[in-house]
Amino acid sequence: MSEASPRHSHPRHELAPLLNAPVRLSVVAALAPVDKAEFAFVRDLVEVSDSVLSKQVAALEEAGWVAVQKGRVARRPRTWLSLTAEGRTVYARHLDALRAIATG
């Protein structure tokens, strides 16, 4: 690397390692176009079990990228998922980095 080039110029440095897992990336992608989505909807869309989705959502929630809201609809428990502002920013940066890598 020459001294004139930036230290981390390759777009891979902008990738969010947490989103390298296909299920986590799929969850974030599913939540990106909506304000919130019901857990079961995301589970079915991403085609995973409840336990797999719960584990991946917990990791995203711990990172501060997904918010989890619990409530009831007609006496039935429901869980809604949404991207936080930080989650949206990280996802957009991750996608930009993937596009930059793909286009060279």
N, C-alpha and C. Protein backbone atom coordinates (compact mmCIF):
# COMPACT_ATOMS: atom_id res chain seq x y z
N MET A 1 0.85 -1.17 0.00
CA MET A 1 0.00 0.00 0.00
C MET A 1 0.90 1.23 0.00
N SER A 2 0.61 2.15 -0.89
CA SER A 2 1.42 3.36 -0.95
C SER A 2 1.01 4.30 0.17
N GLU A 3 1.90 5.22 0.51
CA GLU A 3 1.60 6.14 1.60
C GLU A 3 0.48 7.10 1.24
N ALA A 4 0.28 7.36 -0.05
CA ALA A 4 -0.74 8.29 -0.48
C ALA A 4 -2.16 7.71 -0.39
N SER A 5 -2.28 6.38 -0.39
CA SER A 5 -3.62 5.79 -0.38
C SER A 5 -4.17 5.75 1.05
N PRO A 6 -5.51 5.87 1.17
CA PRO A 6 -6.11 5.80 2.51
C PRO A 6 -5.87 4.42 3.14
N ARG A 7 -5.84 4.40 4.45
CA ARG A 7 -5.52 3.17 5.16
C ARG A 7 -6.54 2.05 4.87
N HIS A 8 -7.82 2.38 4.86
CA HIS A 8 -8.86 1.38 4.64
C HIS A 8 -9.73 1.81 3.46
N SER A 9 -9.21 1.70 2.27
CA SER A 9 -9.95 2.17 1.11
C SER A 9 -10.84 1.10 0.48
N HIS A 10 -10.61 -0.17 0.76
CA HIS A 10 -11.44 -1.21 0.16
C HIS A 10 -12.83 -1.18 0.80
N PRO A 11 -13.89 -1.29 -0.03
CA PRO A 11 -15.25 -1.20 0.51
C PRO A 11 -15.60 -2.29 1.52
N ARG A 12 -14.87 -3.38 1.55
CA ARG A 12 -15.19 -4.45 2.52
C ARG A 12 -15.08 -3.96 3.96
N HIS A 13 -14.31 -2.91 4.18
CA HIS A 13 -14.16 -2.37 5.53
C HIS A 13 -15.44 -1.70 6.02
N GLU A 14 -16.36 -1.44 5.11
CA GLU A 14 -17.65 -0.84 5.48
C GLU A 14 -18.72 -1.89 5.75
N LEU A 15 -18.41 -3.16 5.50
CA LEU A 15 -19.38 -4.22 5.77
C LEU A 15 -19.58 -4.38 7.28
N ALA A 16 -20.81 -4.65 7.67
CA ALA A 16 -21.13 -4.91 9.07
C ALA A 16 -21.00 -6.41 9.31
N PRO A 17 -20.00 -6.86 10.05
CA PRO A 17 -19.79 -8.30 10.25
C PRO A 17 -21.04 -9.04 10.74
N LEU A 18 -21.86 -8.40 11.54
CA LEU A 18 -23.07 -9.04 12.04
C LEU A 18 -24.03 -9.39 10.90
N LEU A 19 -23.97 -8.63 9.82
CA LEU A 19 -24.86 -8.88 8.68
C LEU A 19 -24.27 -9.87 7.68
N ASN A 20 -23.12 -10.43 7.98
CA ASN A 20 -22.55 -11.45 7.11
C ASN A 20 -23.29 -12.78 7.22
N ALA A 21 -24.06 -12.94 8.27
CA ALA A 21 -24.89 -14.15 8.43
C ALA A 21 -26.14 -13.99 7.56
N PRO A 22 -26.39 -14.93 6.66
CA PRO A 22 -27.52 -14.80 5.73
C PRO A 22 -28.87 -14.56 6.39
N VAL A 23 -29.14 -15.21 7.51
CA VAL A 23 -30.45 -15.03 8.15
C VAL A 23 -30.56 -13.62 8.71
N ARG A 24 -29.52 -13.12 9.36
CA ARG A 24 -29.57 -11.75 9.91
C ARG A 24 -29.73 -10.73 8.79
N LEU A 25 -29.01 -10.91 7.69
CA LEU A 25 -29.14 -10.00 6.56
C LEU A 25 -30.57 -10.07 6.01
N SER A 26 -31.13 -11.27 5.92
CA SER A 26 -32.49 -11.44 5.42
C SER A 26 -33.52 -10.77 6.33
N VAL A 27 -33.32 -10.85 7.63
CA VAL A 27 -34.23 -10.22 8.59
C VAL A 27 -34.18 -8.70 8.42
N VAL A 28 -33.01 -8.15 8.37
CA VAL A 28 -32.86 -6.71 8.23
C VAL A 28 -33.45 -6.26 6.89
N ALA A 29 -33.20 -7.01 5.82
CA ALA A 29 -33.75 -6.67 4.51
C ALA A 29 -35.28 -6.71 4.54
N ALA A 30 -35.85 -7.66 5.27
CA ALA A 30 -37.30 -7.76 5.37
C ALA A 30 -37.90 -6.58 6.12
N LEU A 31 -37.15 -6.06 7.10
CA LEU A 31 -37.66 -4.96 7.91
C LEU A 31 -37.40 -3.59 7.29
N ALA A 32 -36.46 -3.50 6.38
CA ALA A 32 -36.06 -2.20 5.82
C ALA A 32 -37.21 -1.43 5.15
N PRO A 33 -38.07 -2.08 4.37
CA PRO A 33 -39.11 -1.30 3.69
C PRO A 33 -40.37 -0.99 4.52
N VAL A 34 -40.41 -1.46 5.76
CA VAL A 34 -41.62 -1.28 6.58
C VAL A 34 -41.29 -0.60 7.90
N ASP A 35 -42.32 -0.05 8.53
CA ASP A 35 -42.13 0.55 9.86
C ASP A 35 -41.94 -0.53 10.91
N LYS A 36 -42.77 -1.58 10.81
CA LYS A 36 -42.64 -2.72 11.70
C LYS A 36 -43.31 -3.91 11.04
N ALA A 37 -42.94 -5.10 11.50
CA ALA A 37 -43.52 -6.33 10.96
C ALA A 37 -43.71 -7.31 12.09
N GLU A 38 -44.75 -8.09 11.98
CA GLU A 38 -45.01 -9.10 12.99
C GLU A 38 -43.98 -10.23 12.87
N PHE A 39 -43.59 -10.74 14.02
CA PHE A 39 -42.58 -11.81 14.09
C PHE A 39 -42.92 -12.95 13.13
N ALA A 40 -44.15 -13.41 13.15
CA ALA A 40 -44.55 -14.56 12.31
C ALA A 40 -44.40 -14.23 10.82
N PHE A 41 -44.70 -13.00 10.43
CA PHE A 41 -44.54 -12.60 9.04
C PHE A 41 -43.07 -12.69 8.63
N VAL A 42 -42.18 -12.16 9.47
CA VAL A 42 -40.74 -12.20 9.17
C VAL A 42 -40.25 -13.65 9.14
N ARG A 43 -40.69 -14.44 10.10
CA ARG A 43 -40.32 -15.86 10.15
C ARG A 43 -40.67 -16.57 8.85
N ASP A 44 -41.89 -16.36 8.39
CA ASP A 44 -42.34 -17.02 7.16
C ASP A 44 -41.62 -16.48 5.93
N LEU A 45 -41.40 -15.19 5.89
CA LEU A 45 -40.73 -14.57 4.75
C LEU A 45 -39.29 -15.06 4.62
N VAL A 46 -38.60 -15.16 5.76
CA VAL A 46 -37.19 -15.57 5.78
C VAL A 46 -37.05 -17.10 5.75
N GLU A 47 -38.16 -17.80 6.00
CA GLU A 47 -38.20 -19.26 5.96
C GLU A 47 -37.28 -19.91 6.99
N VAL A 48 -37.50 -19.52 8.25
CA VAL A 48 -36.76 -20.11 9.37
C VAL A 48 -37.76 -20.47 10.47
N SER A 49 -37.28 -21.21 11.45
CA SER A 49 -38.13 -21.58 12.59
C SER A 49 -38.19 -20.42 13.58
N ASP A 50 -39.13 -20.51 14.50
CA ASP A 50 -39.24 -19.50 15.56
C ASP A 50 -37.94 -19.37 16.33
N SER A 51 -37.34 -20.50 16.68
CA SER A 51 -36.13 -20.46 17.51
C SER A 51 -34.96 -19.83 16.75
N VAL A 52 -34.82 -20.14 15.46
CA VAL A 52 -33.74 -19.54 14.68
C VAL A 52 -33.95 -18.03 14.58
N LEU A 53 -35.18 -17.61 14.28
CA LEU A 53 -35.44 -16.17 14.18
C LEU A 53 -35.22 -15.48 15.51
N SER A 54 -35.67 -16.09 16.60
CA SER A 54 -35.47 -15.49 17.93
C SER A 54 -34.00 -15.26 18.22
N LYS A 55 -33.18 -16.24 17.92
CA LYS A 55 -31.74 -16.13 18.18
C LYS A 55 -31.13 -15.00 17.35
N GLN A 56 -31.49 -14.91 16.09
CA GLN A 56 -30.91 -13.89 15.22
C GLN A 56 -31.42 -12.50 15.59
N VAL A 57 -32.68 -12.41 15.94
CA VAL A 57 -33.24 -11.12 16.36
C VAL A 57 -32.58 -10.67 17.66
N ALA A 58 -32.30 -11.59 18.56
CA ALA A 58 -31.64 -11.23 19.82
C ALA A 58 -30.27 -10.61 19.55
N ALA A 59 -29.53 -11.16 18.60
CA ALA A 59 -28.21 -10.60 18.26
C ALA A 59 -28.36 -9.21 17.66
N LEU A 60 -29.36 -9.02 16.79
CA LEU A 60 -29.58 -7.72 16.18
C LEU A 60 -30.09 -6.71 17.20
N GLU A 61 -30.91 -7.16 18.13
CA GLU A 61 -31.41 -6.29 19.19
C GLU A 61 -30.26 -5.86 20.11
N GLU A 62 -29.39 -6.80 20.44
CA GLU A 62 -28.25 -6.49 21.30
C GLU A 62 -27.34 -5.44 20.64
N ALA A 63 -27.23 -5.50 19.32
CA ALA A 63 -26.41 -4.52 18.59
C ALA A 63 -27.11 -3.16 18.51
N GLY A 64 -28.40 -3.13 18.83
CA GLY A 64 -29.15 -1.88 18.76
C GLY A 64 -29.73 -1.61 17.38
N TRP A 65 -29.81 -2.62 16.55
CA TRP A 65 -30.26 -2.44 15.18
C TRP A 65 -31.72 -2.84 14.97
N VAL A 66 -32.26 -3.65 15.84
CA VAL A 66 -33.66 -4.07 15.76
C VAL A 66 -34.33 -3.83 17.11
N ALA A 67 -35.55 -3.30 17.04
CA ALA A 67 -36.35 -3.11 18.25
C ALA A 67 -37.43 -4.18 18.27
N VAL A 68 -37.70 -4.70 19.46
CA VAL A 68 -38.72 -5.73 19.65
C VAL A 68 -39.81 -5.16 20.54
N GLN A 69 -41.04 -5.25 20.06
CA GLN A 69 -42.18 -4.75 20.82
C GLN A 69 -43.18 -5.88 21.01
N LYS A 70 -43.56 -6.12 22.24
CA LYS A 70 -44.52 -7.19 22.53
C LYS A 70 -45.86 -6.56 22.90
N GLY A 71 -46.92 -7.25 22.52
CA GLY A 71 -48.26 -6.77 22.82
C GLY A 71 -49.26 -7.88 22.61
N ARG A 72 -50.52 -7.48 22.54
CA ARG A 72 -51.59 -8.45 22.34
C ARG A 72 -52.54 -7.94 21.27
N VAL A 73 -53.06 -8.87 20.50
CA VAL A 73 -54.12 -8.58 19.53
C VAL A 73 -55.20 -9.60 19.80
N ALA A 74 -56.38 -9.11 20.19
CA ALA A 74 -57.50 -9.99 20.54
C ALA A 74 -57.06 -11.08 21.53
N ARG A 75 -56.42 -10.67 22.58
CA ARG A 75 -55.97 -11.55 23.66
C ARG A 75 -54.85 -12.51 23.28
N ARG A 76 -54.35 -12.41 22.07
CA ARG A 76 -53.26 -13.30 21.64
C ARG A 76 -51.95 -12.53 21.68
N PRO A 77 -50.91 -13.11 22.25
CA PRO A 77 -49.63 -12.40 22.29
C PRO A 77 -49.05 -12.22 20.89
N ARG A 78 -48.47 -11.06 20.66
CA ARG A 78 -47.84 -10.76 19.38
C ARG A 78 -46.50 -10.07 19.64
N THR A 79 -45.58 -10.27 18.71
CA THR A 79 -44.29 -9.61 18.77
C THR A 79 -44.06 -8.91 17.44
N TRP A 80 -43.69 -7.64 17.52
CA TRP A 80 -43.39 -6.87 16.32
C TRP A 80 -41.91 -6.51 16.30
N LEU A 81 -41.35 -6.51 15.13
CA LEU A 81 -39.94 -6.18 14.94
C LEU A 81 -39.84 -4.94 14.07
N SER A 82 -38.85 -4.11 14.35
CA SER A 82 -38.61 -2.94 13.52
C SER A 82 -37.12 -2.60 13.54
N LEU A 83 -36.67 -1.99 12.47
CA LEU A 83 -35.29 -1.51 12.44
C LEU A 83 -35.21 -0.21 13.19
N THR A 84 -34.15 -0.03 13.95
CA THR A 84 -33.90 1.25 14.60
C THR A 84 -33.26 2.18 13.57
N ALA A 85 -33.12 3.44 13.91
CA ALA A 85 -32.45 4.39 13.01
C ALA A 85 -31.02 3.92 12.74
N GLU A 86 -30.34 3.46 13.78
CA GLU A 86 -28.98 2.94 13.61
C GLU A 86 -28.97 1.72 12.71
N GLY A 87 -29.96 0.83 12.88
CA GLY A 87 -30.06 -0.35 12.05
C GLY A 87 -30.23 0.00 10.58
N ARG A 88 -31.05 1.01 10.30
CA ARG A 88 -31.24 1.45 8.91
C ARG A 88 -29.95 2.01 8.33
N THR A 89 -29.23 2.77 9.13
CA THR A 89 -27.97 3.36 8.67
C THR A 89 -26.94 2.27 8.38
N VAL A 90 -26.81 1.33 9.28
CA VAL A 90 -25.84 0.23 9.11
C VAL A 90 -26.21 -0.60 7.88
N TYR A 91 -27.49 -0.89 7.71
CA TYR A 91 -27.94 -1.69 6.56
C TYR A 91 -27.63 -0.95 5.25
N ALA A 92 -27.91 0.33 5.19
CA ALA A 92 -27.64 1.11 3.98
C ALA A 92 -26.14 1.11 3.66
N ARG A 93 -25.32 1.30 4.69
CA ARG A 93 -23.86 1.29 4.50
C ARG A 93 -23.38 -0.09 4.03
N HIS A 94 -23.95 -1.14 4.59
CA HIS A 94 -23.60 -2.51 4.22
C HIS A 94 -23.95 -2.75 2.74
N LEU A 95 -25.15 -2.35 2.34
CA LEU A 95 -25.55 -2.52 0.94
C LEU A 95 -24.66 -1.73 -0.01
N ASP A 96 -24.32 -0.50 0.37
CA ASP A 96 -23.43 0.32 -0.46
C ASP A 96 -22.07 -0.37 -0.62
N ALA A 97 -21.57 -0.95 0.45
CA ALA A 97 -20.28 -1.64 0.39
C ALA A 97 -20.37 -2.88 -0.51
N LEU A 98 -21.46 -3.64 -0.41
CA LEU A 98 -21.65 -4.81 -1.27
C LEU A 98 -21.71 -4.39 -2.74
N ARG A 99 -22.43 -3.30 -3.02
CA ARG A 99 -22.50 -2.81 -4.41
C ARG A 99 -21.12 -2.39 -4.90
N ALA A 100 -20.36 -1.71 -4.05
CA ALA A 100 -19.02 -1.25 -4.44
C ALA A 100 -18.09 -2.44 -4.71
N ILE A 101 -18.20 -3.45 -3.89
CA ILE A 101 -17.39 -4.66 -4.10
C ILE A 101 -17.80 -5.34 -5.42
N ALA A 102 -19.09 -5.46 -5.64
CA ALA A 102 -19.59 -6.16 -6.83
C ALA A 102 -19.25 -5.43 -8.13
N THR A 103 -19.22 -4.13 -8.08
CA THR A 103 -18.96 -3.37 -9.31
C THR A 103 -17.48 -3.06 -9.49
N GLY A 104 -16.67 -3.38 -8.50
CA GLY A 104 -15.23 -3.20 -8.60
C GLY A 104 -14.83 -1.76 -8.52
